[in-house]
Amino acid sequence: MAHKVVWFDVPVTDLDRAVRFYAAVLEIEIRREHPDMPIAVLAHAEGDVAGCLFRAQDDRPSDHGPLLYFNVDGRLEEAVAAAIEHGGRVLQPPHAIGAFGHRAIVLDSEGNRIALHSE
């Protein structure tokens, strides 16, 4: 079955700061692939759901609305520490979510509410 979510845009106000935040928290490469567009694409494999950080005049970061879960591959405590170190803020510390593993809810460096998830 095909993924129902195929792409996501994370709005940011400072693209360089957001790249540093997400690269540190997720331990992935984030590339500015399109020099004529203010976006940075999160590394992903073929067939994965993918997304980018983007700066646009009309879109603003938000601490309300859909909650994106980012997989931090068994390093939840380290990811939360990296979030704090790179300008984020913890809204809910790491906690169990039943059979679905563990998560922490943080504000990213731009003010977006996101979930850091680990099995």
C-alpha atoms as a PDB file:
ATOM      1  CA  MET A   1       0.000   0.000   0.000  1.00  0.00           C
ATOM      2  CA  ALA A   2       1.319   3.457  -0.903  1.00  0.00           C
ATOM      3  CA  HIS A   3       2.031   6.021   1.799  1.00  0.00           C
ATOM      4  CA  LYS A   4      -0.859   8.417   2.289  1.00  0.00           C
ATOM      5  CA  VAL A   5       1.548  11.128   3.433  1.00  0.00           C
ATOM      6  CA  VAL A   6       4.021  11.805   0.624  1.00  0.00           C
ATOM      7  CA  TRP A   7       5.702  15.081   1.569  1.00  0.00           C
ATOM      8  CA  PHE A   8       5.761  17.665   4.337  1.00  0.00           C
ATOM      9  CA  ASP A   9       6.908  21.278   4.576  1.00  0.00           C
ATOM     10  CA  VAL A  10       8.100  22.620   7.925  1.00  0.00           C
ATOM     11  CA  PRO A  11       7.826  26.427   7.924  1.00  0.00           C
ATOM     12  CA  VAL A  12      10.827  28.292   9.349  1.00  0.00           C
ATOM     13  CA  THR A  13      11.857  31.892   9.805  1.00  0.00           C
ATOM     14  CA  ASP A  14      15.632  31.309   9.800  1.00  0.00           C
ATOM     15  CA  LEU A  15      16.570  28.512   7.390  1.00  0.00           C
ATOM     16  CA  ASP A  16      20.202  28.182   8.509  1.00  0.00           C
ATOM     17  CA  ARG A  17      19.216  27.961  12.192  1.00  0.00           C
ATOM     18  CA  ALA A  18      16.514  25.385  11.388  1.00  0.00           C
ATOM     19  CA  VAL A  19      18.974  23.284   9.355  1.00  0.00           C
ATOM     20  CA  ARG A  20      21.375  23.223  12.329  1.00  0.00           C
ATOM     21  CA  PHE A  21      18.525  22.261  14.692  1.00  0.00           C
ATOM     22  CA  TYR A  22      17.106  19.391  12.608  1.00  0.00           C
ATOM     23  CA  ALA A  23      20.522  18.067  11.546  1.00  0.00           C
ATOM     24  CA  ALA A  24      21.587  17.834  15.214  1.00  0.00           C
ATOM     25  CA  VAL A  25      18.315  16.458  16.581  1.00  0.00           C
ATOM     26  CA  LEU A  26      17.713  13.884  13.839  1.00  0.00           C
ATOM     27  CA  GLU A  27      21.394  13.173  13.083  1.00  0.00           C
ATOM     28  CA  ILE A  28      20.781  13.409   9.345  1.00  0.00           C
ATOM     29  CA  GLU A  29      22.054  15.415   6.427  1.00  0.00           C
ATOM     30  CA  ILE A  30      19.888  18.311   5.325  1.00  0.00           C
ATOM     31  CA  ARG A  31      20.723  19.801   1.943  1.00  0.00           C
ATOM     32  CA  ARG A  32      19.886  23.072   0.278  1.00  0.00           C
ATOM     33  CA  GLU A  33      19.359  21.466  -3.122  1.00  0.00           C
ATOM     34  CA  HIS A  34      17.640  24.362  -4.877  1.00  0.00           C
ATOM     35  CA  PRO A  35      19.722  27.567  -4.734  1.00  0.00           C
ATOM     36  CA  ASP A  36      16.849  29.595  -6.177  1.00  0.00           C
ATOM     37  CA  MET A  37      14.385  28.417  -3.487  1.00  0.00           C
ATOM     38  CA  PRO A  38      14.563  28.963   0.293  1.00  0.00           C
ATOM     39  CA  ILE A  39      14.250  25.250   1.169  1.00  0.00           C
ATOM     40  CA  ALA A  40      16.424  22.521   2.682  1.00  0.00           C
ATOM     41  CA  VAL A  41      15.508  18.860   2.080  1.00  0.00           C
ATOM     42  CA  LEU A  42      15.784  16.270   4.853  1.00  0.00           C
ATOM     43  CA  ALA A  43      17.772  13.201   3.776  1.00  0.00           C
ATOM     44  CA  HIS A  44      15.566  10.245   2.857  1.00  0.00           C
ATOM     45  CA  ALA A  45      15.727   6.954   0.982  1.00  0.00           C
ATOM     46  CA  GLU A  46      13.775   6.144  -2.158  1.00  0.00           C
ATOM     47  CA  GLY A  47      10.190   5.350  -1.202  1.00  0.00           C
ATOM     48  CA  ASP A  48      10.364   7.086   2.188  1.00  0.00           C
ATOM     49  CA  VAL A  49       8.060   9.901   3.154  1.00  0.00           C
ATOM     50  CA  ALA A  50      10.153  13.027   2.672  1.00  0.00           C
ATOM     51  CA  GLY A  51      10.016  16.686   3.531  1.00  0.00           C
ATOM     52  CA  CYS A  52      11.816  19.959   3.761  1.00  0.00           C
ATOM     53  CA  LEU A  53      12.347  23.054   5.820  1.00  0.00           C
ATOM     54  CA  PHE A  54      11.142  26.128   3.992  1.00  0.00           C
ATOM     55  CA  ARG A  55      11.008  29.861   4.441  1.00  0.00           C
ATOM     56  CA  ALA A  56       8.041  31.675   2.936  1.00  0.00           C
ATOM     57  CA  GLN A  57       6.547  35.067   3.582  1.00  0.00           C
ATOM     58  CA  ASP A  58       2.996  33.836   4.154  1.00  0.00           C
ATOM     59  CA  ASP A  59       3.676  30.626   6.126  1.00  0.00           C
ATOM     60  CA  ARG A  60       4.676  30.823   9.770  1.00  0.00           C
ATOM     61  CA  PRO A  61       5.875  28.277  12.341  1.00  0.00           C
ATOM     62  CA  SER A  62       3.149  27.131  14.718  1.00  0.00           C
ATOM     63  CA  ASP A  63       2.765  25.406  18.050  1.00  0.00           C
ATOM     64  CA  HIS A  64      -0.774  24.326  17.073  1.00  0.00           C
ATOM     65  CA  GLY A  65      -2.117  22.135  14.294  1.00  0.00           C
ATOM     66  CA  PRO A  66      -0.815  18.822  12.967  1.00  0.00           C
ATOM     67  CA  LEU A  67       1.897  17.134  15.020  1.00  0.00           C
ATOM     68  CA  LEU A  68       4.756  15.651  12.979  1.00  0.00           C
ATOM     69  CA  TYR A  69       6.520  12.663  14.537  1.00  0.00           C
ATOM     70  CA  PHE A  70      10.232  12.354  13.746  1.00  0.00           C
ATOM     71  CA  ASN A  71      11.972   9.010  14.314  1.00  0.00           C
ATOM     72  CA  VAL A  72      15.072   9.415  16.478  1.00  0.00           C
ATOM     73  CA  ASP A  73      16.049   5.716  16.302  1.00  0.00           C
ATOM     74  CA  GLY A  74      16.488   4.784  19.975  1.00  0.00           C
ATOM     75  CA  ARG A  75      18.217   8.024  20.949  1.00  0.00           C
ATOM     76  CA  LEU A  76      15.301   9.936  22.470  1.00  0.00           C
ATOM     77  CA  GLU A  77      17.212  11.418  25.426  1.00  0.00           C
ATOM     78  CA  GLU A  78      20.076  12.516  23.151  1.00  0.00           C
ATOM     79  CA  ALA A  79      17.655  14.042  20.634  1.00  0.00           C
ATOM     80  CA  VAL A  80      15.878  16.016  23.375  1.00  0.00           C
ATOM     81  CA  ALA A  81      19.250  17.279  24.660  1.00  0.00           C
ATOM     82  CA  ALA A  82      20.229  18.307  21.109  1.00  0.00           C
ATOM     83  CA  ALA A  83      16.890  20.096  20.698  1.00  0.00           C
ATOM     84  CA  ILE A  84      17.524  22.159  23.834  1.00  0.00           C
ATOM     85  CA  GLU A  85      21.134  22.851  22.833  1.00  0.00           C
ATOM     86  CA  HIS A  86      20.012  24.153  19.420  1.00  0.00           C
ATOM     87  CA  GLY A  87      17.288  26.531  20.581  1.00  0.00           C
ATOM     88  CA  GLY A  88      14.345  24.199  21.133  1.00  0.00           C
ATOM     89  CA  ARG A  89      12.155  23.881  24.204  1.00  0.00           C
ATOM     90  CA  VAL A  90      10.650  20.772  25.808  1.00  0.00           C
ATOM     91  CA  LEU A  91       6.852  20.840  26.086  1.00  0.00           C
ATOM     92  CA  GLN A  92       6.485  17.221  27.268  1.00  0.00           C
ATOM     93  CA  PRO A  93       9.540  15.266  28.423  1.00  0.00           C
ATOM     94  CA  PRO A  94      10.096  11.719  27.163  1.00  0.00           C
ATOM     95  CA  HIS A  95       7.210   9.447  28.102  1.00  0.00           C
ATOM     96  CA  ALA A  96       5.691   6.114  27.093  1.00  0.00           C
ATOM     97  CA  ILE A  97       2.854   6.031  24.584  1.00  0.00           C
ATOM     98  CA  GLY A  98       1.700   2.468  25.229  1.00  0.00           C
ATOM     99  CA  ALA A  99       2.601  -0.147  22.651  1.00  0.00           C
ATOM    100  CA  PHE A 100       3.785   2.618  20.302  1.00  0.00           C
ATOM    101  CA  GLY A 101       7.063   3.340  22.098  1.00  0.00           C
ATOM    102  CA  HIS A 102       8.130   6.648  23.590  1.00  0.00           C
ATOM    103  CA  ARG A 103       7.979  10.278  22.569  1.00  0.00           C
ATOM    104  CA  ALA A 104       8.840  13.788  23.675  1.00  0.00           C
ATOM    105  CA  ILE A 105       7.052  16.888  22.426  1.00  0.00           C
ATOM    106  CA  VAL A 106       9.312  19.876  21.735  1.00  0.00           C
ATOM    107  CA  LEU A 107       9.218  23.263  20.087  1.00  0.00           C
ATOM    108  CA  ASP A 108      11.867  23.442  17.379  1.00  0.00           C
ATOM    109  CA  SER A 109      14.196  26.415  16.989  1.00  0.00           C
ATOM    110  CA  GLU A 110      11.521  28.175  14.935  1.00  0.00           C
ATOM    111  CA  GLY A 111       8.495  27.627  17.207  1.00  0.00           C
ATOM    112  CA  ASN A 112       6.981  24.529  15.554  1.00  0.00           C
ATOM    113  CA  ARG A 113       5.597  21.842  17.869  1.00  0.00           C
ATOM    114  CA  ILE A 114       7.045  18.443  16.876  1.00  0.00           C
ATOM    115  CA  ALA A 115       7.241  14.956  18.383  1.00  0.00           C
ATOM    116  CA  LEU A 116      10.485  13.032  18.747  1.00  0.00           C
ATOM    117  CA  HIS A 117       9.630   9.315  18.636  1.00  0.00           C
ATOM    118  CA  SER A 118      11.505   6.134  19.480  1.00  0.00           C
ATOM    119  CA  GLU A 119      10.394   2.490  19.682  1.00  0.00           C
END
